[in-house]
Protein backbone atom coordinates (compact mmCIF):
# COMPACT_ATOMS: atom_id res chain seq x y z
CA MET A 1 0.00 0.00 0.00
CA GLU A 2 2.89 2.38 0.68
CA LYS A 3 3.78 2.49 -3.00
CA ASP A 4 0.16 3.20 -3.98
CA ILE A 5 -0.07 6.01 -1.42
CA ALA A 6 3.18 7.56 -2.64
CA ILE A 7 1.99 7.46 -6.27
CA ALA A 8 -1.39 8.96 -5.35
CA VAL A 9 0.11 11.78 -3.27
CA LYS A 10 2.64 12.66 -5.95
CA THR A 11 0.03 12.52 -8.73
CA GLN A 12 -2.36 14.75 -6.82
CA TYR A 13 0.32 17.23 -5.82
CA GLU A 14 1.76 17.56 -9.33
CA ALA A 15 -1.72 18.02 -10.79
CA LEU A 16 -2.48 20.79 -8.30
CA GLN A 17 0.77 22.56 -9.12
CA ARG A 18 -0.26 22.79 -12.77
CA ILE A 19 -3.29 24.89 -11.88
CA PRO A 20 -2.44 28.60 -11.97
CA VAL A 21 -3.49 30.51 -8.85
CA ASN A 22 -3.99 34.26 -9.12
CA ARG A 23 -3.77 36.30 -5.94
CA GLU A 24 -7.23 37.69 -6.76
CA ASP A 25 -8.64 34.20 -6.20
CA GLU A 26 -8.83 34.48 -2.43
CA ASP A 27 -10.30 31.00 -1.95
CA ALA A 28 -7.54 29.29 -3.94
CA VAL A 29 -4.73 31.14 -2.18
CA PHE A 30 -6.29 30.49 1.23
CA ASP A 31 -6.72 26.75 0.60
CA ARG A 32 -3.19 26.35 -0.71
CA LEU A 33 -1.61 28.17 2.24
CA TYR A 34 -3.49 26.01 4.74
CA PHE A 35 -2.41 22.92 2.82
CA PHE A 36 1.23 24.05 2.88
CA PHE A 37 0.98 24.77 6.61
CA VAL A 38 -0.43 21.39 7.69
CA VAL A 39 2.07 19.54 5.52
CA LYS A 40 5.02 21.29 7.14
CA SER A 41 3.55 21.18 10.65
CA GLY A 42 2.33 17.60 10.63
CA TYR A 43 3.74 15.55 7.76
CA ALA A 44 7.19 16.88 6.90
CA LYS A 45 8.81 13.44 7.07
CA GLN A 46 6.23 11.81 4.81
CA ALA A 47 6.17 14.73 2.34
CA LYS A 48 9.94 14.74 1.99
CA ALA A 49 10.03 10.99 1.41
CA ILE A 50 7.30 11.06 -1.24
CA LEU A 51 7.80 14.42 -2.97
CA GLY A 52 11.55 14.76 -2.49
CA ASP A 53 13.58 17.35 -0.62
CA GLY A 54 13.40 19.83 -3.50
CA SER A 55 9.60 19.91 -3.67
CA TYR A 56 9.32 20.05 0.11
CA THR A 57 11.75 22.98 0.30
CA ALA A 58 9.71 24.73 -2.41
CA ILE A 59 6.59 24.29 -0.24
CA LEU A 60 8.31 26.04 2.67
CA GLU A 61 9.58 28.89 0.51
CA ARG A 62 6.26 29.44 -1.25
CA TYR A 63 4.39 29.34 2.04
CA GLN A 64 6.43 32.15 3.57
CA GLN A 65 6.31 34.30 0.46
CA GLU A 66 2.65 33.76 -0.39
CA LEU A 67 1.42 34.24 3.17
CA GLU A 68 2.84 37.75 3.36
CA GLU A 69 1.64 38.60 -0.14
CA ALA A 70 -1.85 37.30 0.60
CA LEU A 71 -2.17 39.27 3.85
CA LEU A 72 -1.09 42.46 2.10
CA TYR A 73 -3.58 41.85 -0.73
CA LEU A 74 -6.44 41.19 1.72
CA LYS A 75 -5.65 44.39 3.62
CA GLN A 76 -6.01 46.27 0.35
CA GLN A 77 -9.29 44.51 -0.43
CA ARG A 78 -10.68 45.45 2.95
CA LYS A 79 -10.38 49.13 2.04
CA LYS A 80 -12.56 48.83 -1.05
CA LEU A 81 -16.03 50.32 -0.91
CA HIS A 82 -19.21 49.14 -2.60
CA ARG A 83 -18.51 45.44 -2.10
CA SER A 84 -21.33 42.97 -1.53
CA ILE A 85 -21.95 41.54 1.91
CA PHE A 86 -20.77 38.14 0.69
CA GLN A 87 -17.52 39.51 -0.80
CA ARG A 88 -16.73 41.46 2.33
CA SER A 89 -17.51 38.53 4.61
CA GLN A 90 -15.25 36.21 2.60
CA THR A 91 -12.34 38.66 2.58
CA LEU A 92 -12.55 39.06 6.36
CA PHE A 93 -12.82 35.28 6.75
CA HIS A 94 -9.64 34.77 4.71
CA TYR A 95 -7.85 37.60 6.49
CA LEU A 96 -8.58 36.20 9.95
CA GLY A 97 -7.61 32.69 8.87
CA LEU A 98 -4.24 33.80 7.51
CA CYS A 99 -3.53 36.00 10.54
CA TYR A 100 -4.07 32.87 12.62
CA LEU A 101 -1.44 31.00 10.58
CA LYS A 102 1.04 33.79 11.23
CA PHE A 103 0.09 33.63 14.91
CA LEU A 104 0.88 29.90 14.92
CA GLU A 105 4.31 30.66 13.50
CA GLY A 106 5.01 32.66 16.65
CA LYS A 107 5.44 35.84 14.65
CA PRO A 108 4.13 39.27 15.64
CA VAL A 109 0.63 39.62 14.30
CA GLU A 110 -1.33 42.85 14.24
CA VAL A 111 -4.94 42.02 13.47
CA ASP A 112 -5.92 45.56 12.61
CA LEU A 113 -9.65 45.06 12.19
CA HIS A 114 -11.64 48.25 12.67
CA ALA A 115 -14.63 48.42 15.00
CA ASP A 116 -17.02 48.44 12.05
CA GLU A 117 -15.41 45.27 10.66
CA ILE A 118 -15.80 43.47 14.00
CA ALA A 119 -19.43 44.61 14.12
CA PHE A 120 -19.93 43.40 10.54
CA LEU A 121 -18.50 39.95 11.34
CA ASN A 122 -20.77 39.63 14.36
CA GLN A 123 -23.74 40.61 12.20
CA VAL A 124 -23.12 38.05 9.45
CA LEU A 125 -22.77 35.12 11.83
CA GLY A 126 -25.71 32.73 11.74
CA TYR A 127 -25.95 31.80 8.05
CA SER A 128 -23.26 29.15 7.67
CA TYR A 129 -22.30 26.96 10.62
CA ILE A 130 -18.81 26.23 9.25
CA TYR A 131 -18.17 29.94 8.66
CA ASP A 132 -19.36 30.73 12.19
CA TYR A 133 -17.30 27.94 13.71
CA MET A 134 -14.04 29.04 12.12
CA VAL A 135 -14.50 32.82 12.46
CA THR A 136 -15.37 32.43 16.15
CA PHE A 137 -12.39 30.11 16.67
CA TRP A 138 -9.94 32.48 14.98
CA GLY A 139 -11.42 35.46 16.77
CA ARG A 140 -10.93 33.76 20.14
CA LYS A 141 -7.34 32.77 19.31
CA LEU A 142 -6.52 36.28 18.13
CA ARG A 143 -8.28 37.85 21.13
CA LEU A 144 -10.89 39.73 19.15
CA PRO A 145 -14.29 40.70 20.62
CA MET A 146 -16.20 38.12 18.59
CA GLU A 147 -19.60 37.38 20.06
CA GLY A 148 -20.13 34.03 18.39
CA VAL A 149 -23.55 32.50 17.91
CA LYS A 150 -25.36 29.51 19.30
CA MET A 151 -26.40 27.56 16.27
CA GLU A 152 -26.90 23.92 15.36
CA PRO A 153 -25.59 22.41 12.10
CA LYS A 154 -28.38 22.25 9.53
CA THR A 155 -27.31 19.18 7.57
CA GLU A 156 -25.43 15.91 7.98
CA GLU A 157 -22.70 17.40 5.81
CA GLU A 158 -22.25 20.39 8.13
CA ILE A 159 -22.08 18.03 11.11
CA GLY A 160 -19.38 16.09 9.27
CA TYR A 161 -17.24 19.12 8.54
CA VAL A 162 -17.46 20.45 12.09
CA ASN A 163 -16.50 17.02 13.46
CA THR A 164 -13.56 16.68 11.07
CA HIS A 165 -12.26 20.13 12.05
CA PHE A 166 -12.27 19.27 15.76
CA PHE A 167 -8.83 17.65 15.83
CA LEU A 168 -7.34 20.40 13.66
CA THR A 169 -8.55 23.25 15.82
CA GLY A 170 -7.83 21.22 18.96
CA THR A 171 -4.17 20.87 17.96
CA ASP A 172 -3.87 24.36 16.44
CA TYR A 173 -3.43 22.68 13.07
CA LEU A 174 -1.07 19.92 14.18
CA THR A 175 1.32 22.17 16.11
CA HIS A 176 0.74 20.50 19.49
CA SER A 177 -1.03 17.56 21.12
CA MET A 178 -4.59 17.59 22.43
CA THR A 179 -6.29 16.11 25.49
CA GLU A 180 -9.81 15.75 24.08
CA GLU A 181 -10.95 13.70 21.11
CA ASN A 182 -14.12 13.05 19.12
CA GLU A 183 -13.36 9.72 17.45
CA ALA A 184 -16.79 8.35 18.35
CA ALA A 185 -18.50 11.26 16.58
CA LEU A 186 -16.32 10.73 13.51
CA LYS A 187 -17.20 7.04 13.38
CA GLN A 188 -20.88 7.97 13.30
CA GLN A 189 -20.22 9.86 10.04
CA ILE A 190 -18.80 6.81 8.23
CA PRO A 191 -22.11 5.43 6.82
CA TYR A 192 -23.12 8.84 5.47
CA VAL A 193 -19.75 9.49 3.83
CA LEU A 194 -19.55 6.06 2.23
CA GLU A 195 -23.10 6.38 0.92
CA LYS A 196 -22.68 9.88 -0.54
CA GLN A 197 -19.12 9.36 -1.84
CA GLN A 198 -18.43 13.05 -1.28
CA MET A 199 -14.68 12.89 -1.73
CA ASP A 200 -13.77 16.06 0.17
CA LEU A 201 -15.65 15.05 3.31
CA MET A 202 -14.46 11.46 2.94
CA ALA A 203 -10.85 12.63 2.81
CA GLU A 204 -11.31 14.82 5.89
CA LEU A 205 -13.00 11.97 7.75
CA LEU A 206 -10.20 9.54 6.87
CA TRP A 207 -7.70 12.18 7.94
CA GLY A 208 -9.31 12.64 11.35
CA LEU A 209 -9.75 8.92 11.99
CA SER A 210 -6.13 8.28 10.99
CA PHE A 211 -5.01 11.02 13.38
CA TYR A 212 -6.82 9.21 16.20
CA ARG A 213 -5.35 5.84 15.11
CA SER A 214 -8.91 4.55 14.72
CA ASP A 215 -9.53 0.83 14.32
CA ALA A 216 -12.64 1.32 12.15
CA PRO A 217 -12.57 -1.36 9.42
CA GLU A 218 -14.10 1.06 6.90
CA LEU A 219 -10.84 3.01 6.74
CA GLU A 220 -9.59 0.63 4.07
CA LEU A 221 -12.61 1.41 1.90
CA MET A 222 -11.94 5.14 2.20
CA VAL A 223 -8.24 4.73 1.42
CA GLU A 224 -9.09 2.71 -1.67
CA ALA A 225 -11.63 5.32 -2.82
CA LEU A 226 -9.03 8.09 -2.54
CA LEU A 227 -6.41 6.00 -4.34
CA GLN A 228 -8.85 5.38 -7.19
CA GLU A 229 -9.77 9.07 -7.37
CA ALA A 230 -6.09 9.99 -7.67
CA LYS A 231 -5.86 8.01 -10.90
CA HIS A 232 -7.92 10.71 -12.66
CA PRO A 233 -5.73 13.85 -12.56
CA ASN A 234 -7.82 15.70 -15.16
CA TYR A 235 -10.43 16.68 -12.61
CA SER A 236 -12.75 19.66 -12.35
CA LYS A 237 -11.09 22.92 -11.38
CA THR A 238 -13.92 24.01 -9.10
CA ARG A 239 -13.00 24.98 -5.56
CA THR A 240 -14.78 21.93 -4.13
CA SER A 241 -12.80 19.58 -6.35
CA ILE A 242 -9.46 21.27 -5.68
CA HIS A 243 -10.11 21.37 -1.94
CA ALA A 244 -10.89 17.65 -2.08
CA ARG A 245 -7.48 17.02 -3.67
CA TYR A 246 -5.72 18.92 -0.92
CA ALA A 247 -7.70 17.02 1.73
CA SER A 248 -6.95 13.72 -0.01
CA ILE A 249 -3.19 14.36 0.08
CA CYS A 250 -3.36 15.22 3.80
CA ALA A 251 -5.46 12.13 4.54
CA LEU A 252 -3.06 9.83 2.70
CA LEU A 253 -0.06 11.43 4.40
CA ALA A 254 -1.80 10.80 7.73
CA VAL A 255 -2.34 7.16 6.77
CA GLN A 256 1.33 6.91 5.82
CA GLU A 257 2.37 8.52 9.10
CA ARG A 258 0.32 5.94 10.98
CA MET A 259 2.00 3.15 9.02
CA ASP A 260 5.43 4.65 9.75
CA ASP A 261 4.64 4.78 13.45
CA THR A 262 3.43 1.18 13.40
CA ASP A 263 6.62 0.04 11.66
CA SER A 264 8.72 2.02 14.11
CA GLN A 265 6.93 0.49 17.10
CA ARG A 266 7.25 -2.98 15.61
CA GLY A 267 10.98 -2.41 15.19
CA MET A 268 11.27 -1.31 18.81
CA ASP A 269 9.36 -4.40 19.97
CA ILE A 270 11.63 -6.68 17.95
CA SER A 271 14.71 -4.87 19.30
CA ASN A 272 13.45 -5.22 22.87
CA ARG A 273 12.78 -8.92 22.39
CA GLY A 274 16.29 -9.31 20.98
CA SER A 275 17.72 -7.57 24.05
CA CYS A 276 15.79 -9.93 26.30
CA ARG A 277 17.15 -12.95 24.45
CA SER A 278 20.69 -11.59 24.69
CA ALA A 279 20.28 -10.99 28.41
CA SER A 280 19.12 -14.54 28.93
């Protein structure tokens, strides 16, 4: 399976690199920067082994450069007048999310939101549970006066995405360990994900379950589905499709990390048994 995972990760990554990303496409830049961050924070060893040192170094360099460029661009966008409520809400969403990445790097971060922008964010909460969840989370981390809203997910899909983000937010995107877990809630999503074959949510679910070292037998079905999907690099260039490719790479890297840990532990067990035999 290791060879299949390596081929799938490399195929997906190379296909994504062939898609041009303009800085005006806030969604695309945002998704790519978060992908770069979790790879370097959680799966550096696996990424280097599969993509090579050169590609991994390029990820680090592009992350640093593009993060600063994106933050500067979003600051400029925030100054524009006559933007729709949706456009403004998305720009502020992206801005907060990228400020949070800089915060995780331990770098000085000045989240210079004006009072009217804070008020605007509090006003637009309540329409999308995922939006609310992330904006409230970032606001809390960045010590902004975000009110948050009490709201229940509307659909099974929203429940799935909130559950799959739990381990990411709980570890500050793989930068430290966590004491709580929601593996049981993730397992409850398995039937829905397998039935709908929604590849983005499936990848995120596999990612979370792999992080928890879950013993759910359905993991093999999800791995196989992602491996099959990777064999079709000429995929749609919609945001949903591209995001699914990023999530798929992360999920497969998490599976590989779990396999590496298992092999490492097995080697330690064998070594310990050998030591016992020598001592006897």
